[in-house]
């Protein structure tokens, strides 16, 4: 069972737990989602004694939105809210906070390591790093290249969020999220808290983010993970991101796994995440 989590303007959901685990988990959702997306993952993990908070990123769910419209945000606002939530959790529970980023949220999870002193480590499921460009032939190549085009950047600066990207058509939901469910898009559209368009300036702020320090200078523990059958990313790109990251790190491949390991490979991924974080805190 979950309850609302609120710290200042930061909104999310906290899952009941005995709190016996030696860490707290902060979850950062993926494209168009919100903090309440992962009940199927959070509830069984909380039964292991893990305190979990899954937040709504700015522009999503019940979080703050630029111009009062969902889908409007700046990437730095994501990092700010992760820091606020993590700091509050450290103060409240006196345990290290690890952040788990799902898909699009993985970039925010990784960059929060440098942005927030309250974050002890990160689990990144299908990460995309702006400093690691996909090569031609990679699934992300075309999308990534658009954000590096100077004309696209200038257009975003000129129009702000008045021009929008339709997420229902920008992503092939059936192919990338649940290939065995031809109705996955319709089911997701039943969720009133999901976002179905992004302002062009908003998504550009994500795709062009330049961290103050390169990934190679990271010093905190990182677990990168992806599914071997993920059509949205591929092994070459995941390994390139892994090679670019400094500090203690591990790369895990879920054999037969799709893009959304939390939702569709839940039991295996819970074991991977929980075991790895416990190993980092000495348990």
Protein backbone atom coordinates (compact mmCIF):
# COMPACT_ATOMS: atom_id res chain seq x y z
CA UNK A 1 0.00 0.00 0.00
CA UNK A 2 1.24 3.46 -0.81
CA UNK A 3 0.65 6.92 0.63
CA UNK A 4 1.39 10.40 -0.66
CA UNK A 5 4.88 11.78 -0.16
CA UNK A 6 5.20 15.55 -0.11
CA UNK A 7 8.25 17.70 0.65
CA UNK A 8 7.72 21.31 -0.35
CA UNK A 9 6.73 21.25 -4.02
CA UNK A 10 7.98 17.68 -4.50
CA UNK A 11 5.27 15.04 -4.81
CA UNK A 12 5.56 11.28 -4.89
CA UNK A 13 4.40 8.05 -3.27
CA UNK A 14 5.83 6.21 -0.30
CA UNK A 15 5.34 2.46 0.14
CA UNK A 16 4.68 0.84 3.51
CA UNK A 17 7.65 -1.05 4.88
CA UNK A 18 9.19 -2.26 8.10
CA UNK A 19 12.28 -0.27 7.12
CA UNK A 20 14.63 -3.09 8.09
CA UNK A 21 16.71 -2.79 4.92
CA UNK A 22 19.97 -0.82 5.24
CA UNK A 23 19.00 1.68 2.53
CA UNK A 24 16.15 3.75 1.11
CA UNK A 25 15.23 3.64 -2.58
CA UNK A 26 14.17 6.72 -4.56
CA UNK A 27 12.58 5.90 -7.93
CA UNK A 28 12.64 8.22 -10.96
CA UNK A 29 10.08 7.32 -13.63
CA UNK A 30 10.36 7.13 -17.40
CA UNK A 31 8.85 8.95 -20.37
CA UNK A 32 5.41 10.44 -19.77
CA UNK A 33 5.03 8.52 -16.51
CA UNK A 34 4.65 9.42 -12.87
CA UNK A 35 5.62 8.10 -9.46
CA UNK A 36 2.62 5.79 -9.18
CA UNK A 37 3.55 3.77 -12.26
CA UNK A 38 5.52 1.04 -10.49
CA UNK A 39 3.25 -0.52 -7.85
CA UNK A 40 3.97 -3.99 -9.22
CA UNK A 41 7.68 -3.42 -8.51
CA UNK A 42 7.52 -1.32 -5.35
CA UNK A 43 5.07 -3.37 -3.31
CA UNK A 44 7.03 -6.67 -3.31
CA UNK A 45 10.33 -4.84 -2.86
CA UNK A 46 8.95 -2.96 0.15
CA UNK A 47 8.07 -6.34 1.68
CA UNK A 48 11.82 -6.96 1.87
CA UNK A 49 12.04 -4.12 4.35
CA UNK A 50 13.00 -1.45 1.82
CA UNK A 51 11.57 2.02 2.26
CA UNK A 52 10.65 3.32 -1.20
CA UNK A 53 9.62 6.71 -2.51
CA UNK A 54 8.68 7.07 -6.18
CA UNK A 55 8.47 10.71 -7.20
CA UNK A 56 6.64 12.65 -9.89
CA UNK A 57 9.26 14.52 -11.88
CA UNK A 58 8.50 18.19 -12.62
CA UNK A 59 6.10 18.36 -15.54
CA UNK A 60 4.58 14.99 -14.64
CA UNK A 61 1.87 13.57 -12.41
CA UNK A 62 1.07 15.90 -9.52
CA UNK A 63 4.42 17.70 -9.54
CA UNK A 64 5.05 21.33 -10.44
CA UNK A 65 4.81 22.18 -14.13
CA UNK A 66 6.08 25.17 -16.07
CA UNK A 67 3.20 27.39 -17.21
CA UNK A 68 0.87 25.08 -15.28
CA UNK A 69 0.93 22.53 -18.10
CA UNK A 70 2.00 18.92 -17.81
CA UNK A 71 4.87 18.07 -20.07
CA UNK A 72 6.60 21.41 -19.45
CA UNK A 73 9.85 21.24 -17.45
CA UNK A 74 13.58 21.77 -17.53
CA UNK A 75 15.97 18.90 -16.90
CA UNK A 76 17.72 20.75 -14.07
CA UNK A 77 14.36 20.89 -12.26
CA UNK A 78 14.35 17.09 -12.24
CA UNK A 79 17.74 17.08 -10.51
CA UNK A 80 16.57 19.70 -8.01
CA UNK A 81 13.53 17.64 -6.97
CA UNK A 82 15.55 14.43 -6.71
CA UNK A 83 17.93 16.25 -4.38
CA UNK A 84 15.09 17.65 -2.26
CA UNK A 85 13.46 14.22 -1.90
CA UNK A 86 16.75 12.43 -1.18
CA UNK A 87 17.81 14.99 1.41
CA UNK A 88 14.46 14.64 3.20
CA UNK A 89 14.74 10.83 3.18
CA UNK A 90 18.26 10.86 4.62
CA UNK A 91 17.14 13.19 7.38
CA UNK A 92 14.02 11.14 8.14
CA UNK A 93 15.37 7.58 8.02
CA UNK A 94 19.12 8.03 8.64
CA UNK A 95 20.00 5.53 5.92
CA UNK A 96 21.79 5.93 2.58
CA UNK A 97 19.56 6.77 -0.36
CA UNK A 98 20.04 5.05 -3.70
CA UNK A 99 18.20 6.31 -6.77
CA UNK A 100 16.71 4.01 -9.42
CA UNK A 101 16.11 5.60 -12.81
CA UNK A 102 13.70 3.94 -15.22
CA UNK A 103 14.46 4.43 -18.93
CA UNK A 104 14.33 8.21 -19.54
CA UNK A 105 14.70 8.73 -15.81
CA UNK A 106 18.05 6.93 -15.82
CA UNK A 107 19.86 10.02 -17.07
CA UNK A 108 18.46 12.00 -14.16
CA UNK A 109 19.40 9.20 -11.75
CA UNK A 110 22.99 9.19 -12.95
CA UNK A 111 23.44 12.95 -13.01
CA UNK A 112 21.92 13.21 -9.51
CA UNK A 113 25.07 11.50 -8.22
CA UNK A 114 27.04 14.66 -8.90
CA UNK A 115 24.18 17.08 -8.27
CA UNK A 116 23.07 15.76 -4.86
CA UNK A 117 25.22 15.03 -1.82
CA UNK A 118 22.29 13.03 -0.42
CA UNK A 119 22.47 10.34 -3.12
CA UNK A 120 24.81 7.44 -2.32
CA UNK A 121 24.54 5.49 -5.58
CA UNK A 122 22.42 4.88 -8.66
CA UNK A 123 20.73 2.07 -10.53
CA UNK A 124 20.20 3.02 -14.18
CA UNK A 125 17.85 0.93 -16.29
CA UNK A 126 18.59 1.65 -19.98
CA UNK A 127 20.61 4.83 -19.60
CA UNK A 128 21.12 7.52 -22.24
CA UNK A 129 24.07 9.87 -21.70
CA UNK A 130 24.32 13.00 -23.84
CA UNK A 131 28.10 12.76 -23.82
CA UNK A 132 27.95 9.29 -25.39
CA UNK A 133 26.54 9.66 -28.92
CA UNK A 134 24.95 6.58 -30.49
CA UNK A 135 26.47 5.56 -33.81
CA UNK A 136 24.53 5.13 -37.04
CA UNK A 137 22.56 1.92 -36.82
CA UNK A 138 21.87 2.22 -33.09
CA UNK A 139 18.13 2.50 -32.28
CA UNK A 140 18.69 5.89 -30.61
CA UNK A 141 20.81 7.39 -33.40
CA UNK A 142 18.16 9.38 -35.24
CA UNK A 143 16.48 10.75 -32.12
CA UNK A 144 19.80 11.62 -30.46
CA UNK A 145 21.12 13.35 -33.58
CA UNK A 146 18.15 15.72 -33.68
CA UNK A 147 19.10 17.20 -30.32
CA UNK A 148 22.66 17.78 -31.47
CA UNK A 149 21.47 19.74 -34.53
CA UNK A 150 22.06 23.46 -34.01
CA UNK A 151 18.90 24.32 -35.97
CA UNK A 152 16.78 22.21 -33.60
CA UNK A 153 18.32 23.91 -30.58
CA UNK A 154 17.68 27.37 -32.02
CA UNK A 155 14.10 26.40 -32.88
CA UNK A 156 13.50 25.25 -29.29
CA UNK A 157 14.88 28.51 -27.95
CA UNK A 158 12.61 30.48 -30.27
CA UNK A 159 9.32 28.66 -29.70
CA UNK A 160 9.78 27.47 -26.12
CA UNK A 161 7.08 25.00 -25.16
CA UNK A 162 4.43 26.36 -27.50
CA UNK A 163 5.38 23.65 -30.02
CA UNK A 164 4.86 20.13 -28.70
CA UNK A 165 5.83 16.51 -29.32
CA UNK A 166 3.02 13.94 -29.28
CA UNK A 167 4.31 11.07 -27.15
CA UNK A 168 1.62 8.66 -28.34
CA UNK A 169 3.15 8.71 -31.82
CA UNK A 170 6.76 9.63 -31.04
CA UNK A 171 7.25 6.26 -29.33
CA UNK A 172 6.24 2.86 -30.67
CA UNK A 173 4.72 1.70 -27.41
CA UNK A 174 3.89 -1.83 -28.45
CA UNK A 175 7.32 -2.49 -29.95
CA UNK A 176 9.36 -0.94 -27.15
CA UNK A 177 7.33 -1.63 -24.01
CA UNK A 178 5.20 -4.77 -24.30
CA UNK A 179 5.45 -6.63 -27.59
CA UNK A 180 3.00 -9.26 -26.36
CA UNK A 181 0.26 -6.70 -25.69
CA UNK A 182 -1.10 -4.89 -28.77
CA UNK A 183 -3.30 -2.74 -26.52
CA UNK A 184 -0.52 -1.35 -24.29
CA UNK A 185 -0.90 2.22 -25.59
CA UNK A 186 -4.65 2.25 -25.00
CA UNK A 187 -4.16 0.88 -21.49
CA UNK A 188 -1.58 3.55 -20.64
CA UNK A 189 -3.89 6.25 -21.98
CA UNK A 190 -6.45 5.25 -19.36
CA UNK A 191 -4.09 6.65 -16.70
CA UNK A 192 -5.18 10.26 -16.12
CA UNK A 193 -1.83 11.18 -14.56
CA UNK A 194 0.28 10.27 -17.59
CA UNK A 195 1.65 12.98 -19.90
CA UNK A 196 1.03 12.67 -23.63
CA UNK A 197 2.90 15.67 -25.00
CA UNK A 198 6.18 17.41 -24.20
CA UNK A 199 7.03 21.03 -24.93
CA UNK A 200 9.86 21.18 -27.46
CA UNK A 201 12.03 23.31 -25.16
CA UNK A 202 11.37 20.87 -22.33
CA UNK A 203 12.49 17.71 -24.12
CA UNK A 204 15.41 19.61 -25.66
CA UNK A 205 16.63 20.50 -22.16
CA UNK A 206 16.81 16.76 -21.51
CA UNK A 207 18.51 15.87 -24.77
CA UNK A 208 21.15 18.59 -24.57
CA UNK A 209 22.03 18.52 -20.87
CA UNK A 210 25.73 19.00 -20.24
CA UNK A 211 26.83 17.90 -16.78
CA UNK A 212 29.30 20.11 -14.88
CA UNK A 213 31.63 17.11 -14.62
CA UNK A 214 32.13 14.35 -17.17
CA UNK A 215 30.83 10.88 -16.41
CA UNK A 216 34.40 9.62 -16.17
CA UNK A 217 34.88 11.64 -12.98
CA UNK A 218 32.04 9.88 -11.15
CA UNK A 219 33.07 8.35 -7.82
CA UNK A 220 29.80 6.87 -6.55
CA UNK A 221 28.62 3.28 -7.21
CA UNK A 222 26.52 2.73 -10.33
CA UNK A 223 24.63 -0.31 -11.61
CA UNK A 224 23.75 -0.17 -15.30
CA UNK A 225 21.21 -2.71 -16.53
CA UNK A 226 19.35 -3.53 -19.71
CA UNK A 227 17.40 -6.34 -21.35
CA UNK A 228 19.05 -8.39 -24.08
CA UNK A 229 15.90 -8.14 -26.22
CA UNK A 230 15.33 -4.42 -25.69
CA UNK A 231 14.44 -2.87 -29.09
CA UNK A 232 14.81 0.70 -27.79
CA UNK A 233 18.50 0.51 -26.91
CA UNK A 234 21.18 -2.04 -27.74
CA UNK A 235 24.17 -3.73 -26.16
CA UNK A 236 26.74 -1.62 -28.02
CA UNK A 237 25.31 1.63 -26.71
CA UNK A 238 24.84 0.36 -23.16
CA UNK A 239 28.44 -0.84 -23.08
CA UNK A 240 29.65 2.51 -24.45
CA UNK A 241 27.85 4.33 -21.64
CA UNK A 242 29.28 1.87 -19.12
CA UNK A 243 32.80 2.46 -20.41
CA UNK A 244 32.32 6.25 -20.15
CA UNK A 245 31.37 6.16 -16.47
CA UNK A 246 34.05 6.31 -13.80
CA UNK A 247 34.03 4.98 -10.25
CA UNK A 248 32.75 1.65 -8.92
CA UNK A 249 30.32 0.21 -11.43
CA UNK A 250 28.66 -2.95 -12.69
CA UNK A 251 26.81 -3.84 -15.88
CA UNK A 252 24.01 -6.42 -15.76
CA UNK A 253 22.20 -7.89 -18.75
CA UNK A 254 18.80 -9.50 -18.19
CA UNK A 255 18.68 -12.30 -20.74
CA UNK A 256 15.44 -12.18 -22.70
CA UNK A 257 14.59 -8.89 -21.04
CA UNK A 258 12.58 -6.17 -22.74
CA UNK A 259 12.88 -2.41 -22.26
CA UNK A 260 10.84 -2.20 -19.05
CA UNK A 261 12.51 -4.59 -16.62
CA UNK A 262 10.64 -3.20 -13.61
CA UNK A 263 7.20 -3.96 -15.04
CA UNK A 264 7.71 -7.06 -17.15
CA UNK A 265 10.65 -8.87 -15.51
CA UNK A 266 9.78 -7.83 -11.99
CA UNK A 267 10.92 -10.69 -9.76
CA UNK A 268 14.31 -11.02 -11.43
CA UNK A 269 14.90 -7.28 -11.44
CA UNK A 270 13.92 -6.87 -7.79
CA UNK A 271 16.55 -9.46 -6.89
CA UNK A 272 19.17 -7.70 -9.02
CA UNK A 273 18.49 -4.25 -7.57
CA UNK A 274 18.10 -5.27 -3.93
CA UNK A 275 21.14 -7.56 -3.90
CA UNK A 276 23.39 -5.01 -5.57
CA UNK A 277 22.44 -2.13 -3.28
CA UNK A 278 22.83 -4.29 -0.17
CA UNK A 279 26.31 -5.25 -1.38
CA UNK A 280 27.18 -1.56 -1.65
CA UNK A 281 26.16 -0.82 1.93
CA UNK A 282 27.91 -3.87 3.32
CA UNK A 283 25.01 -6.27 3.86
